[in-house]
């Protein structure tokens, strides 16, 4: 049985290698065609990205170069932290992540999502190291994670909260050992507070206020999530004051989801106080949720899948089989400069993603049959850290509103899937410790 599993494992790894290599080639070709093409989404981002955009000016190639280099470095460090490999496999693995089509589009675009995806991956690499590595490395890795958090929060305001999640999880998972090393525990806590204080201070100096959601922001997100798809049909049941305030603009708001933020919210802010607006948002959300529970839940589930496994959902979105999202606009911008190459690149990548997941599942079973490995506590902690962080990012973007699903927001989340497949192509023990003599002997034979 073990011998057969070994042969199957070799075949599956070969298929993964070929499939990824084809996608790398297509990604590099697409990059060559589009490097001199301006792809601008209109998202300004936080103060740091606005500054970078201003420094680059019309030389957007400089911005593209910075984003590509950062993405390659982040992929390299993340993969090195989850499995050891030789130099050639290391470069090849980095290119697997770099040429993921949704990521590559962001790298060659004037948009903050390339750097946020790369910095989140870099932060995960540091926090995974905090959970897994020797005690003397903890403070250094935690400081790197804190620095990534600082940059992320200045690139996009929502990462003040999202970027704090890996740091808090790393501290929680490492806490049993840190309690025996009180000095290191104090250092990590002080680092967390220091970087958090710097983020708050910089935002205060620059007048940024959206980094910490208040009741009005949360209520509006819930309102947009539940109301927009049926806003034209349900407005007759709204409070009279809201109907009067928004009557002239309601039809325009119903046409495009982003008009909720661009038109509807300013109207509410103009006519009502923050507290009144929040109460009205909750009332209207409750009305729609009671009337359209099943469609709303289905749309939320669709957005969760769209954010977390984008290549599986994107073809359906492009065929118009799902409800409103930004995927069509994103693909149109990607398609403009090199339509034929884009078509091959995206179609193959989406198809290959599904095949990769199936092959990876069979490979995991074959690897476990051939060389049973029981992950150590640190390995389980590292996996949970990545999963909880990814789940939090997906949840936050899903709940911000209906019809505004944008796969650029969760580039790092989608990169975890090919990273997991690459991990399975290497030693399964890389993410944890081998417990038991039989597992250790088996691992030595593999090496």
Protein backbone atom coordinates (compact mmCIF):
# COMPACT_ATOMS: atom_id res chain seq x y z
CA UNK A 1 0.00 0.00 0.00
CA UNK A 2 2.79 2.40 0.91
CA UNK A 3 4.66 1.58 -2.31
CA UNK A 4 1.58 2.29 -4.44
CA UNK A 5 0.98 5.53 -2.53
CA UNK A 6 4.58 6.53 -3.25
CA UNK A 7 4.16 6.03 -7.01
CA UNK A 8 0.86 7.92 -7.01
CA UNK A 9 2.50 10.74 -5.06
CA UNK A 10 5.29 11.10 -7.64
CA UNK A 11 2.79 11.21 -10.52
CA UNK A 12 0.59 13.80 -8.82
CA UNK A 13 3.59 16.01 -8.04
CA UNK A 14 4.66 15.80 -11.68
CA UNK A 15 1.19 16.91 -12.83
CA UNK A 16 1.27 19.83 -10.38
CA UNK A 17 4.72 20.83 -11.62
CA UNK A 18 3.62 20.83 -15.26
CA UNK A 19 0.36 22.66 -14.56
CA UNK A 20 2.02 25.38 -12.52
CA UNK A 21 4.82 25.77 -15.09
CA UNK A 22 2.32 26.40 -17.90
CA UNK A 23 0.64 29.08 -15.80
CA UNK A 24 4.00 30.68 -14.99
CA UNK A 25 4.78 30.94 -18.72
CA UNK A 26 1.37 32.46 -19.50
CA UNK A 27 1.75 34.90 -16.59
CA UNK A 28 5.17 36.09 -17.74
CA UNK A 29 3.89 36.56 -21.29
CA UNK A 30 0.95 38.60 -19.99
CA UNK A 31 3.31 40.67 -17.85
CA UNK A 32 5.52 41.47 -20.86
CA UNK A 33 2.52 42.62 -22.88
CA UNK A 34 1.10 44.80 -20.10
CA UNK A 35 4.08 46.30 -18.27
CA UNK A 36 3.93 49.50 -20.32
CA UNK A 37 0.14 49.73 -20.10
CA UNK A 38 -1.51 52.03 -17.53
CA UNK A 39 -4.16 50.11 -15.61
CA UNK A 40 -5.81 52.42 -13.09
CA UNK A 41 -8.81 51.44 -10.97
CA UNK A 42 -9.34 54.82 -9.31
CA UNK A 43 -8.86 53.55 -5.74
CA UNK A 44 -6.74 56.06 -3.85
CA UNK A 45 -5.97 53.96 -0.79
CA UNK A 46 -4.45 55.38 2.38
CA UNK A 47 -1.97 58.19 2.81
CA UNK A 48 1.08 56.05 2.02
CA UNK A 49 -0.23 54.77 -1.31
CA UNK A 50 -1.33 58.26 -2.31
CA UNK A 51 2.20 59.40 -1.55
CA UNK A 52 3.73 56.60 -3.64
CA UNK A 53 1.37 57.43 -6.50
CA UNK A 54 2.36 61.08 -6.31
CA UNK A 55 6.09 60.27 -6.29
CA UNK A 56 5.75 57.97 -9.29
CA UNK A 57 3.80 60.58 -11.27
CA UNK A 58 3.46 59.49 -14.89
CA UNK A 59 6.21 56.88 -14.49
CA UNK A 60 3.83 54.12 -13.48
CA UNK A 61 6.46 51.56 -14.51
CA UNK A 62 8.37 52.48 -11.34
CA UNK A 63 5.30 51.67 -9.26
CA UNK A 64 4.82 48.39 -11.13
CA UNK A 65 8.47 47.48 -10.49
CA UNK A 66 8.14 48.21 -6.78
CA UNK A 67 4.99 46.09 -6.57
CA UNK A 68 6.53 43.17 -8.47
CA UNK A 69 9.70 43.17 -6.38
CA UNK A 70 7.71 43.38 -3.14
CA UNK A 71 5.42 40.55 -4.27
CA UNK A 72 8.37 38.32 -5.20
CA UNK A 73 10.13 38.98 -1.89
CA UNK A 74 6.93 38.33 0.10
CA UNK A 75 6.31 35.06 -1.75
CA UNK A 76 9.92 34.00 -1.22
CA UNK A 77 9.87 34.64 2.50
CA UNK A 78 6.45 33.07 3.06
CA UNK A 79 7.38 29.89 1.23
CA UNK A 80 10.72 29.66 3.03
CA UNK A 81 8.94 29.84 6.37
CA UNK A 82 6.52 27.00 5.56
CA UNK A 83 8.94 24.59 3.84
CA UNK A 84 12.67 24.20 3.10
CA UNK A 85 13.71 23.88 -0.53
CA UNK A 86 16.64 24.21 -2.90
CA UNK A 87 17.40 27.38 -4.87
CA UNK A 88 15.77 26.32 -8.15
CA UNK A 89 12.56 25.10 -6.51
CA UNK A 90 12.53 28.28 -4.46
CA UNK A 91 12.54 30.53 -7.53
CA UNK A 92 9.95 28.34 -9.25
CA UNK A 93 7.69 28.42 -6.19
CA UNK A 94 7.97 32.20 -5.98
CA UNK A 95 6.91 32.48 -9.61
CA UNK A 96 3.90 30.23 -8.93
CA UNK A 97 2.59 32.81 -6.47
CA UNK A 98 3.73 35.84 -8.47
CA UNK A 99 1.90 34.76 -11.65
CA UNK A 100 -1.43 34.01 -9.97
CA UNK A 101 -3.64 35.99 -12.42
CA UNK A 102 -5.59 38.10 -9.91
CA UNK A 103 -2.34 38.93 -8.14
CA UNK A 104 -0.51 39.70 -11.39
CA UNK A 105 -3.26 42.09 -12.44
CA UNK A 106 -2.82 43.99 -9.17
CA UNK A 107 0.98 44.07 -9.53
CA UNK A 108 0.63 45.81 -12.91
CA UNK A 109 -2.02 48.30 -11.82
CA UNK A 110 -2.20 51.63 -10.00
CA UNK A 111 -4.02 50.21 -7.01
CA UNK A 112 -3.06 49.60 -3.35
CA UNK A 113 -4.11 45.95 -3.44
CA UNK A 114 -0.81 44.59 -4.76
CA UNK A 115 1.20 45.99 -1.86
CA UNK A 116 -1.47 45.13 0.72
CA UNK A 117 -1.59 41.53 -0.50
CA UNK A 118 2.21 41.27 -0.44
CA UNK A 119 2.55 42.92 2.98
CA UNK A 120 -0.15 40.66 4.46
CA UNK A 121 1.70 37.61 3.11
CA UNK A 122 4.93 39.00 4.59
CA UNK A 123 3.21 39.58 7.93
CA UNK A 124 1.90 36.00 7.89
CA UNK A 125 5.41 34.71 7.24
CA UNK A 126 6.69 36.58 10.29
CA UNK A 127 3.84 35.53 12.59
CA UNK A 128 4.12 31.90 11.44
CA UNK A 129 7.79 32.14 12.38
CA UNK A 130 6.82 33.50 15.81
CA UNK A 131 4.63 30.46 16.37
CA UNK A 132 7.09 27.90 15.04
CA UNK A 133 10.68 29.06 15.51
CA UNK A 134 13.14 29.08 18.38
CA UNK A 135 12.68 31.54 21.22
CA UNK A 136 15.59 33.80 20.26
CA UNK A 137 13.89 34.65 16.95
CA UNK A 138 10.53 35.66 18.41
CA UNK A 139 11.11 39.37 19.07
CA UNK A 140 12.79 39.98 15.71
CA UNK A 141 10.01 38.26 13.76
CA UNK A 142 7.31 39.99 15.82
CA UNK A 143 8.92 43.35 15.09
CA UNK A 144 8.84 42.56 11.35
CA UNK A 145 5.16 41.62 11.62
CA UNK A 146 4.46 44.87 13.48
CA UNK A 147 6.23 46.88 10.78
CA UNK A 148 4.10 45.15 8.12
CA UNK A 149 1.00 46.06 10.15
CA UNK A 150 2.09 49.71 10.20
CA UNK A 151 2.62 49.84 6.43
CA UNK A 152 -0.64 47.97 5.74
CA UNK A 153 -2.66 50.41 7.85
CA UNK A 154 -1.15 53.33 5.92
CA UNK A 155 -1.88 51.66 2.58
CA UNK A 156 -5.53 50.87 3.37
CA UNK A 157 -7.30 52.11 6.54
CA UNK A 158 -9.19 48.84 7.15
CA UNK A 159 -5.89 47.08 7.84
CA UNK A 160 -5.63 48.83 11.20
CA UNK A 161 -7.92 46.02 12.38
CA UNK A 162 -7.20 43.33 9.78
CA UNK A 163 -3.44 43.69 10.17
CA UNK A 164 -3.70 43.31 13.93
CA UNK A 165 -5.28 39.85 13.67
CA UNK A 166 -2.10 37.85 12.84
CA UNK A 167 -0.16 39.66 15.58
CA UNK A 168 -2.77 38.90 18.23
CA UNK A 169 -3.08 35.27 17.09
CA UNK A 170 0.69 34.78 17.13
CA UNK A 171 0.84 36.16 20.66
CA UNK A 172 -2.04 33.91 21.73
CA UNK A 173 -0.59 30.72 20.22
CA UNK A 174 2.89 31.43 21.59
CA UNK A 175 1.62 32.50 25.02
CA UNK A 176 2.13 29.17 26.88
CA UNK A 177 5.85 29.31 26.08
CA UNK A 178 6.13 33.05 26.55
CA UNK A 179 4.76 32.77 30.08
CA UNK A 180 8.01 31.00 30.89
CA UNK A 181 9.97 33.86 29.28
CA UNK A 182 8.43 36.97 30.78
CA UNK A 183 11.04 39.30 29.29
CA UNK A 184 10.21 38.22 25.75
CA UNK A 185 6.50 38.39 26.55
CA UNK A 186 6.89 42.02 27.66
CA UNK A 187 8.90 42.83 24.52
CA UNK A 188 6.21 41.43 22.21
CA UNK A 189 3.40 43.25 24.04
CA UNK A 190 5.36 46.51 23.94
CA UNK A 191 6.01 46.05 20.22
CA UNK A 192 2.30 45.53 19.57
CA UNK A 193 1.36 48.63 21.54
CA UNK A 194 4.15 50.69 19.95
CA UNK A 195 3.15 49.91 16.36
CA UNK A 196 -0.54 50.36 17.19
CA UNK A 197 0.24 53.72 18.76
CA UNK A 198 2.22 54.81 15.70
CA UNK A 199 -0.68 53.94 13.42
CA UNK A 200 -3.15 55.89 15.55
CA UNK A 201 -0.76 58.84 15.82
CA UNK A 202 -0.05 59.04 12.09
CA UNK A 203 -3.74 58.86 11.25
CA UNK A 204 -4.46 61.58 13.79
CA UNK A 205 -1.80 63.85 12.26
CA UNK A 206 -3.08 63.30 8.73
CA UNK A 207 -6.78 63.62 9.61
CA UNK A 208 -7.67 60.06 8.54
CA UNK A 209 -10.75 58.90 10.45
CA UNK A 210 -12.00 55.75 8.65
CA UNK A 211 -9.40 53.38 10.09
CA UNK A 212 -11.56 52.61 13.15
CA UNK A 213 -15.20 51.75 12.31
CA UNK A 214 -17.90 53.40 14.43
CA UNK A 215 -21.58 52.53 14.81
CA UNK A 216 -22.57 54.52 11.72
CA UNK A 217 -20.03 52.75 9.49
CA UNK A 218 -21.01 49.30 10.76
CA UNK A 219 -24.73 50.05 10.43
CA UNK A 220 -24.29 51.39 6.90
CA UNK A 221 -22.33 48.26 5.90
CA UNK A 222 -25.12 46.04 7.22
CA UNK A 223 -27.65 48.22 5.43
CA UNK A 224 -25.77 47.99 2.13
CA UNK A 225 -25.27 44.25 2.54
CA UNK A 226 -28.98 43.51 2.95
CA UNK A 227 -30.81 46.34 1.15
CA UNK A 228 -29.12 47.30 -2.13
CA UNK A 229 -30.22 44.38 -4.36
CA UNK A 230 -33.91 45.13 -3.63
CA UNK A 231 -33.70 48.80 -2.69
CA UNK A 232 -36.13 49.97 -5.38
CA UNK A 233 -38.82 47.50 -4.30
CA UNK A 234 -38.50 47.86 -0.52
CA UNK A 235 -38.21 51.63 -0.11
CA UNK A 236 -41.99 52.03 0.26
CA UNK A 237 -41.70 50.48 3.75
CA UNK A 238 -38.92 52.81 4.91
CA UNK A 239 -39.39 55.56 7.51
CA UNK A 240 -41.06 58.61 5.95
CA UNK A 241 -38.11 60.91 6.78
CA UNK A 242 -35.69 58.70 4.84
CA UNK A 243 -38.03 58.42 1.84
CA UNK A 244 -38.28 62.20 1.63
CA UNK A 245 -34.52 62.69 1.97
CA UNK A 246 -33.58 60.15 -0.72
CA UNK A 247 -36.55 60.16 -3.12
CA UNK A 248 -34.85 62.12 -5.92
CA UNK A 249 -31.75 59.91 -6.01
CA UNK A 250 -33.13 56.47 -5.24
CA UNK A 251 -33.40 55.29 -8.86
CA UNK A 252 -29.80 56.27 -9.56
CA UNK A 253 -28.65 54.54 -6.37
CA UNK A 254 -30.43 51.33 -7.39
CA UNK A 255 -28.50 51.12 -10.68
CA UNK A 256 -24.96 50.65 -9.27
CA UNK A 257 -23.91 49.23 -5.92
CA UNK A 258 -21.14 51.78 -5.37
CA UNK A 259 -23.75 54.55 -5.54
CA UNK A 260 -24.75 53.49 -2.03
CA UNK A 261 -21.45 54.89 -0.77
CA UNK A 262 -21.12 57.66 -3.34
CA UNK A 263 -24.68 59.08 -3.27
CA UNK A 264 -26.95 57.51 -0.63
CA UNK A 265 -24.67 57.80 2.40
CA UNK A 266 -23.83 61.50 1.85
CA UNK A 267 -27.57 62.24 1.59
CA UNK A 268 -28.17 60.55 4.93
CA UNK A 269 -25.21 62.33 6.54
CA UNK A 270 -26.51 65.66 5.28
CA UNK A 271 -30.04 65.24 6.66
CA UNK A 272 -29.52 63.21 9.86
CA UNK A 273 -27.13 63.00 12.77
CA UNK A 274 -24.80 60.02 13.04
CA UNK A 275 -27.01 58.36 15.65
CA UNK A 276 -30.23 58.90 13.69
CA UNK A 277 -28.69 57.58 10.48
CA UNK A 278 -27.43 54.47 12.28
CA UNK A 279 -30.89 53.72 13.64
CA UNK A 280 -32.51 54.18 10.25
CA UNK A 281 -29.92 51.91 8.60
CA UNK A 282 -30.67 49.14 11.08
CA UNK A 283 -34.43 49.53 10.67
CA UNK A 284 -34.22 49.33 6.87
CA UNK A 285 -31.80 46.39 7.03
CA UNK A 286 -34.25 44.51 9.25
CA UNK A 287 -37.08 45.12 6.77
CA UNK A 288 -35.12 43.71 3.84
CA UNK A 289 -33.65 40.82 5.83
CA UNK A 290 -37.11 39.62 6.88
CA UNK A 291 -38.50 39.86 3.34
CA UNK A 292 -35.53 38.41 1.44
CA UNK A 293 -33.71 36.15 3.89
CA UNK A 294 -32.88 33.35 1.43
CA UNK A 295 -31.58 35.54 -1.44
CA UNK A 296 -29.50 37.63 0.97
CA UNK A 297 -27.91 34.54 2.55
CA UNK A 298 -27.25 33.12 -0.92
CA UNK A 299 -25.59 36.36 -2.04
CA UNK A 300 -23.44 36.46 1.09
CA UNK A 301 -22.37 32.88 0.44
CA UNK A 302 -21.54 33.79 -3.17
CA UNK A 303 -19.35 36.67 -2.03
CA UNK A 304 -17.57 34.46 0.51
CA UNK A 305 -16.68 32.02 -2.28
CA UNK A 306 -15.82 34.85 -4.65
CA UNK A 307 -13.34 36.27 -2.17
CA UNK A 308 -11.83 33.00 -0.93
CA UNK A 309 -11.71 30.84 -4.09
CA UNK A 310 -11.87 33.48 -6.81
CA UNK A 311 -10.79 31.33 -9.80
CA UNK A 312 -13.69 28.93 -9.22
CA UNK A 313 -16.30 31.70 -9.15
CA UNK A 314 -14.86 34.16 -11.68
CA UNK A 315 -15.94 32.21 -14.82
CA UNK A 316 -19.54 32.17 -13.55
CA UNK A 317 -19.37 35.90 -12.81
CA UNK A 318 -18.07 36.64 -16.29
CA UNK A 319 -20.90 34.57 -17.81
CA UNK A 320 -23.45 36.60 -15.81
CA UNK A 321 -24.57 33.62 -13.73
CA UNK A 322 -24.16 35.44 -10.41
CA UNK A 323 -25.35 38.81 -9.17
CA UNK A 324 -23.47 42.13 -9.34
CA UNK A 325 -19.73 42.36 -8.64
CA UNK A 326 -16.65 44.24 -9.85
CA UNK A 327 -15.23 41.17 -11.57
CA UNK A 328 -16.51 42.15 -15.02
CA UNK A 329 -14.94 45.59 -14.80
CA UNK A 330 -11.68 44.13 -13.50
CA UNK A 331 -11.51 41.61 -16.34
CA UNK A 332 -12.34 44.29 -18.89
CA UNK A 333 -9.36 46.38 -17.76
CA UNK A 334 -7.13 43.31 -17.78
CA UNK A 335 -8.39 42.39 -21.26
CA UNK A 336 -7.80 45.77 -22.92
CA UNK A 337 -4.13 45.59 -23.91
CA UNK A 338 -3.77 41.90 -24.82
CA UNK A 339 -7.20 40.28 -25.25
CA UNK A 340 -6.06 36.91 -26.62
CA UNK A 341 -3.27 36.41 -24.09
CA UNK A 342 -5.60 37.49 -21.27
CA UNK A 343 -8.26 35.04 -22.39
CA UNK A 344 -5.82 32.10 -22.44
CA UNK A 345 -4.17 33.17 -19.19
CA UNK A 346 -7.37 33.65 -17.18
CA UNK A 347 -9.26 30.68 -18.64
CA UNK A 348 -6.37 28.30 -18.08
CA UNK A 349 -5.65 29.65 -14.58
CA UNK A 350 -9.27 29.28 -13.45
CA UNK A 351 -9.47 25.75 -14.86
CA UNK A 352 -6.11 24.81 -13.38
CA UNK A 353 -7.07 26.12 -9.94
CA UNK A 354 -9.91 23.62 -9.69
CA UNK A 355 -7.72 20.79 -10.98
CA UNK A 356 -4.99 21.81 -8.52
CA UNK A 357 -7.37 21.57 -5.55
CA UNK A 358 -8.43 18.04 -6.56
CA UNK A 359 -4.86 16.86 -7.17
CA UNK A 360 -3.67 18.43 -3.91
CA UNK A 361 -6.41 16.59 -1.99
CA UNK A 362 -5.35 13.23 -3.49
CA UNK A 363 -1.69 14.08 -2.90
CA UNK A 364 -2.37 14.84 0.77
CA UNK A 365 -4.04 11.44 1.14
CA UNK A 366 -1.20 9.65 -0.67
CA UNK A 367 1.46 11.42 1.39
CA UNK A 368 -0.27 10.53 4.63
CA UNK A 369 -0.57 6.88 3.57
CA UNK A 370 3.08 6.69 2.51
CA UNK A 371 4.59 8.50 5.49
CA UNK A 372 2.10 9.17 8.28
CA UNK A 373 2.97 12.44 9.97
CA UNK A 374 1.33 13.91 13.05
CA UNK A 375 1.71 17.71 13.03
CA UNK A 376 3.14 19.25 16.16
CA UNK A 377 1.38 21.94 18.18
CA UNK A 378 3.35 24.70 16.47
CA UNK A 379 2.36 23.36 13.05
CA UNK A 380 -1.33 23.35 13.97
CA UNK A 381 -0.97 26.87 15.37
CA UNK A 382 0.62 28.11 12.12
CA UNK A 383 -2.19 26.61 10.03
CA UNK A 384 -4.87 28.09 12.29
CA UNK A 385 -3.17 31.49 12.20
CA UNK A 386 -3.34 31.58 8.39
CA UNK A 387 -6.90 30.23 8.26
CA UNK A 388 -8.31 32.60 10.89
CA UNK A 389 -6.59 35.61 9.32
CA UNK A 390 -7.87 34.68 5.85
CA UNK A 391 -11.37 34.08 7.22
CA UNK A 392 -11.39 37.46 8.96
CA UNK A 393 -10.32 39.29 5.80
CA UNK A 394 -12.99 37.50 3.74
CA UNK A 395 -15.68 38.16 6.36
CA UNK A 396 -14.90 41.89 6.63
CA UNK A 397 -14.97 42.46 2.88
CA UNK A 398 -18.09 40.31 2.45
CA UNK A 399 -20.03 42.26 5.05
CA UNK A 400 -19.10 45.72 3.79
CA UNK A 401 -21.94 45.72 1.24
CA UNK A 402 -23.78 43.90 -1.54
CA UNK A 403 -22.80 44.09 -5.19
CA UNK A 404 -19.27 45.35 -4.48
CA UNK A 405 -17.41 42.02 -4.42
CA UNK A 406 -13.90 42.78 -5.68
CA UNK A 407 -11.38 39.94 -5.92
CA UNK A 408 -8.47 42.38 -5.73
CA UNK A 409 -9.18 42.81 -2.01
CA UNK A 410 -8.26 39.22 -1.12
CA UNK A 411 -5.23 38.47 -3.27
CA UNK A 412 -3.25 37.15 -0.29
CA UNK A 413 -6.11 34.83 0.74
CA UNK A 414 -6.20 33.21 -2.69
CA UNK A 415 -2.42 32.79 -2.73
CA UNK A 416 -2.68 30.49 0.29
CA UNK A 417 -4.20 27.77 -1.91
CA UNK A 418 -1.26 27.35 -4.33
CA UNK A 419 1.10 27.81 -1.36
CA UNK A 420 -0.59 24.82 0.31
CA UNK A 421 -0.20 22.78 -2.89
CA UNK A 422 3.50 23.70 -3.02
CA UNK A 423 3.85 22.61 0.59
CA UNK A 424 2.38 19.22 -0.25
CA UNK A 425 4.92 18.85 -3.06
CA UNK A 426 7.66 19.13 -0.43
CA UNK A 427 8.04 17.45 2.95
CA UNK A 428 4.70 17.32 4.80
CA UNK A 429 6.59 17.71 8.05
CA UNK A 430 7.64 21.23 7.12
CA UNK A 431 4.67 22.88 8.82
CA UNK A 432 4.93 20.98 12.06
CA UNK A 433 7.01 18.59 14.11
CA UNK A 434 7.15 14.83 13.66
CA UNK A 435 6.14 12.97 16.75
CA UNK A 436 7.22 9.38 17.17
CA UNK A 437 10.24 7.40 16.12
CA UNK A 438 8.57 5.77 13.10
CA UNK A 439 7.72 9.17 11.60
CA UNK A 440 11.27 10.42 12.17
CA UNK A 441 12.75 7.34 10.44
CA UNK A 442 10.37 7.75 7.52
CA UNK A 443 11.31 11.40 7.14
CA UNK A 444 15.04 10.59 7.13
CA UNK A 445 14.49 8.09 4.32
CA UNK A 446 12.73 10.73 2.26
CA UNK A 447 15.58 13.21 2.71
